[in-house]
Amino acid sequence: MDAYFETNINRIVQRSRKPGPFVDVVLKNSVERRWPRENQAGVVAAPSQVETDNRRSRR
């Protein structure tokens, strides 16, 4: 597991320069942003908008 952090250390440092809060998941060869999600236009959605989007996708 610590190899994942060693492999992605540059990505982790780059992302940590931006103000949070955020949740990133460190994978084998990448770091993925899980929260907040960006909408299709690349704009960060507010938590209430994400909840609305999730409800729509479940229907």
N, C-alpha and C. Protein backbone atom coordinates (compact mmCIF):
# COMPACT_ATOMS: atom_id res chain seq x y z
N MET A 1 0.81 -1.19 0.00
CA MET A 1 0.00 0.00 0.00
C MET A 1 0.86 1.26 0.00
N ASP A 2 1.93 1.27 0.76
CA ASP A 2 2.77 2.47 0.79
C ASP A 2 3.43 2.73 -0.55
N ALA A 3 3.55 1.70 -1.39
CA ALA A 3 4.09 1.89 -2.74
C ALA A 3 3.19 2.80 -3.57
N TYR A 4 1.87 2.73 -3.33
CA TYR A 4 0.93 3.60 -4.04
C TYR A 4 1.24 5.07 -3.75
N PHE A 5 1.53 5.37 -2.49
CA PHE A 5 1.84 6.75 -2.11
C PHE A 5 3.18 7.19 -2.69
N GLU A 6 4.16 6.30 -2.68
CA GLU A 6 5.46 6.63 -3.25
C GLU A 6 5.36 6.89 -4.75
N THR A 7 4.59 6.07 -5.44
CA THR A 7 4.41 6.23 -6.88
C THR A 7 3.71 7.54 -7.23
N ASN A 8 2.77 7.96 -6.40
CA ASN A 8 1.92 9.12 -6.70
C ASN A 8 2.28 10.37 -5.91
N ILE A 9 3.44 10.40 -5.27
CA ILE A 9 3.77 11.51 -4.38
C ILE A 9 3.67 12.87 -5.08
N ASN A 10 4.10 12.97 -6.32
CA ASN A 10 4.01 14.26 -7.03
C ASN A 10 2.57 14.69 -7.25
N ARG A 11 1.70 13.76 -7.59
CA ARG A 11 0.28 14.08 -7.78
C ARG A 11 -0.34 14.53 -6.46
N ILE A 12 0.01 13.84 -5.38
CA ILE A 12 -0.53 14.17 -4.07
C ILE A 12 -0.10 15.58 -3.66
N VAL A 13 1.16 15.91 -3.87
CA VAL A 13 1.67 17.24 -3.52
C VAL A 13 0.98 18.31 -4.36
N GLN A 14 0.81 18.07 -5.66
CA GLN A 14 0.15 19.05 -6.53
C GLN A 14 -1.28 19.32 -6.07
N ARG A 15 -2.01 18.27 -5.77
CA ARG A 15 -3.40 18.44 -5.35
C ARG A 15 -3.51 19.11 -4.00
N SER A 16 -2.56 18.88 -3.13
CA SER A 16 -2.63 19.45 -1.78
C SER A 16 -2.37 20.95 -1.77
N ARG A 17 -1.87 21.49 -2.86
CA ARG A 17 -1.63 22.94 -2.95
C ARG A 17 -2.93 23.72 -3.08
N LYS A 18 -3.96 23.07 -3.57
CA LYS A 18 -5.26 23.74 -3.72
C LYS A 18 -6.01 23.66 -2.40
N PRO A 19 -6.77 24.72 -2.07
CA PRO A 19 -7.52 24.69 -0.81
C PRO A 19 -8.61 23.62 -0.83
N GLY A 20 -8.87 23.03 0.31
CA GLY A 20 -9.87 21.98 0.44
C GLY A 20 -11.19 22.56 0.89
N PRO A 21 -12.07 21.80 1.36
CA PRO A 21 -11.95 20.37 1.64
C PRO A 21 -12.14 19.55 0.37
N PHE A 22 -11.55 18.37 0.36
CA PHE A 22 -11.71 17.44 -0.74
C PHE A 22 -11.35 16.04 -0.27
N VAL A 23 -11.77 15.06 -1.06
CA VAL A 23 -11.43 13.66 -0.79
C VAL A 23 -10.81 13.11 -2.06
N ASP A 24 -9.58 12.65 -1.97
CA ASP A 24 -8.90 12.00 -3.09
C ASP A 24 -8.62 10.56 -2.72
N VAL A 25 -8.70 9.68 -3.71
CA VAL A 25 -8.40 8.27 -3.51
C VAL A 25 -7.11 7.97 -4.25
N VAL A 26 -6.14 7.40 -3.54
CA VAL A 26 -4.85 7.06 -4.13
C VAL A 26 -4.93 5.63 -4.64
N LEU A 27 -4.79 5.48 -5.95
CA LEU A 27 -4.81 4.16 -6.59
C LEU A 27 -3.39 3.77 -6.99
N LYS A 28 -3.24 2.63 -7.64
CA LYS A 28 -1.91 2.13 -7.98
C LYS A 28 -1.12 3.12 -8.82
N ASN A 29 -1.73 3.68 -9.87
CA ASN A 29 -1.02 4.58 -10.77
C ASN A 29 -1.70 5.93 -10.96
N SER A 30 -2.58 6.30 -10.04
CA SER A 30 -3.28 7.57 -10.19
C SER A 30 -3.86 8.03 -8.86
N VAL A 31 -4.32 9.27 -8.86
CA VAL A 31 -5.03 9.84 -7.73
C VAL A 31 -6.33 10.41 -8.28
N GLU A 32 -7.47 9.95 -7.75
CA GLU A 32 -8.76 10.38 -8.26
C GLU A 32 -9.50 11.21 -7.23
N ARG A 33 -10.09 12.30 -7.68
CA ARG A 33 -10.90 13.16 -6.82
C ARG A 33 -12.27 12.52 -6.69
N ARG A 34 -12.71 12.24 -5.46
CA ARG A 34 -14.03 11.66 -5.23
C ARG A 34 -15.03 12.68 -4.74
N TRP A 35 -14.56 13.71 -4.03
CA TRP A 35 -15.46 14.74 -3.55
C TRP A 35 -14.71 16.04 -3.43
N PRO A 36 -15.20 17.16 -3.80
CA PRO A 36 -16.47 17.34 -4.50
C PRO A 36 -16.33 16.93 -5.96
N ARG A 37 -17.42 16.47 -6.53
CA ARG A 37 -17.40 16.06 -7.93
C ARG A 37 -17.54 17.27 -8.84
N GLU A 38 -16.96 17.16 -10.03
CA GLU A 38 -17.16 18.20 -11.04
C GLU A 38 -18.32 17.78 -11.92
N ASN A 39 -19.13 18.79 -12.34
CA ASN A 39 -20.21 18.46 -13.27
C ASN A 39 -19.62 18.35 -14.68
N GLN A 40 -20.45 18.11 -15.66
CA GLN A 40 -19.96 17.88 -17.02
C GLN A 40 -19.28 19.10 -17.61
N ALA A 41 -19.57 20.29 -17.11
CA ALA A 41 -18.94 21.51 -17.61
C ALA A 41 -17.59 21.77 -16.93
N GLY A 42 -17.20 20.89 -15.99
CA GLY A 42 -15.94 21.07 -15.29
C GLY A 42 -16.02 21.99 -14.09
N VAL A 43 -17.25 22.30 -13.67
CA VAL A 43 -17.46 23.18 -12.53
C VAL A 43 -17.76 22.32 -11.31
N VAL A 44 -17.16 22.66 -10.20
CA VAL A 44 -17.40 21.89 -8.98
C VAL A 44 -18.83 22.11 -8.52
N ALA A 45 -19.53 21.01 -8.30
CA ALA A 45 -20.92 21.08 -7.87
C ALA A 45 -20.99 21.21 -6.36
N ALA A 46 -21.95 21.98 -5.90
CA ALA A 46 -22.19 22.10 -4.47
C ALA A 46 -22.73 20.78 -3.94
N PRO A 47 -22.49 20.46 -2.66
CA PRO A 47 -22.98 19.18 -2.11
C PRO A 47 -24.46 18.96 -2.34
N SER A 48 -25.30 19.99 -2.25
CA SER A 48 -26.73 19.81 -2.47
C SER A 48 -27.02 19.43 -3.92
N GLN A 49 -26.23 19.95 -4.86
CA GLN A 49 -26.40 19.61 -6.27
C GLN A 49 -26.00 18.16 -6.52
N VAL A 50 -24.95 17.70 -5.86
CA VAL A 50 -24.50 16.31 -6.02
C VAL A 50 -25.60 15.37 -5.53
N GLU A 51 -26.22 15.68 -4.39
CA GLU A 51 -27.31 14.86 -3.87
C GLU A 51 -28.46 14.80 -4.87
N THR A 52 -28.80 15.94 -5.47
CA THR A 52 -29.87 15.99 -6.47
C THR A 52 -29.51 15.14 -7.67
N ASP A 53 -28.27 15.24 -8.14
CA ASP A 53 -27.82 14.44 -9.28
C ASP A 53 -27.88 12.95 -8.96
N ASN A 54 -27.49 12.57 -7.75
CA ASN A 54 -27.53 11.16 -7.35
C ASN A 54 -28.95 10.63 -7.33
N ARG A 55 -29.89 11.43 -6.83
CA ARG A 55 -31.29 10.99 -6.80
C ARG A 55 -31.82 10.77 -8.20
N ARG A 56 -31.47 11.65 -9.13
CA ARG A 56 -31.94 11.53 -10.52
C ARG A 56 -31.38 10.28 -11.16
N SER A 57 -30.12 9.95 -10.89
CA SER A 57 -29.50 8.80 -11.55
C SER A 57 -30.04 7.48 -11.04
N ARG A 58 -30.64 7.47 -9.85
CA ARG A 58 -31.19 6.24 -9.28
C ARG A 58 -32.56 5.89 -9.85
N ARG A 59 -33.20 6.83 -10.49
CA ARG A 59 -34.55 6.60 -11.02
C ARG A 59 -34.52 5.78 -12.27
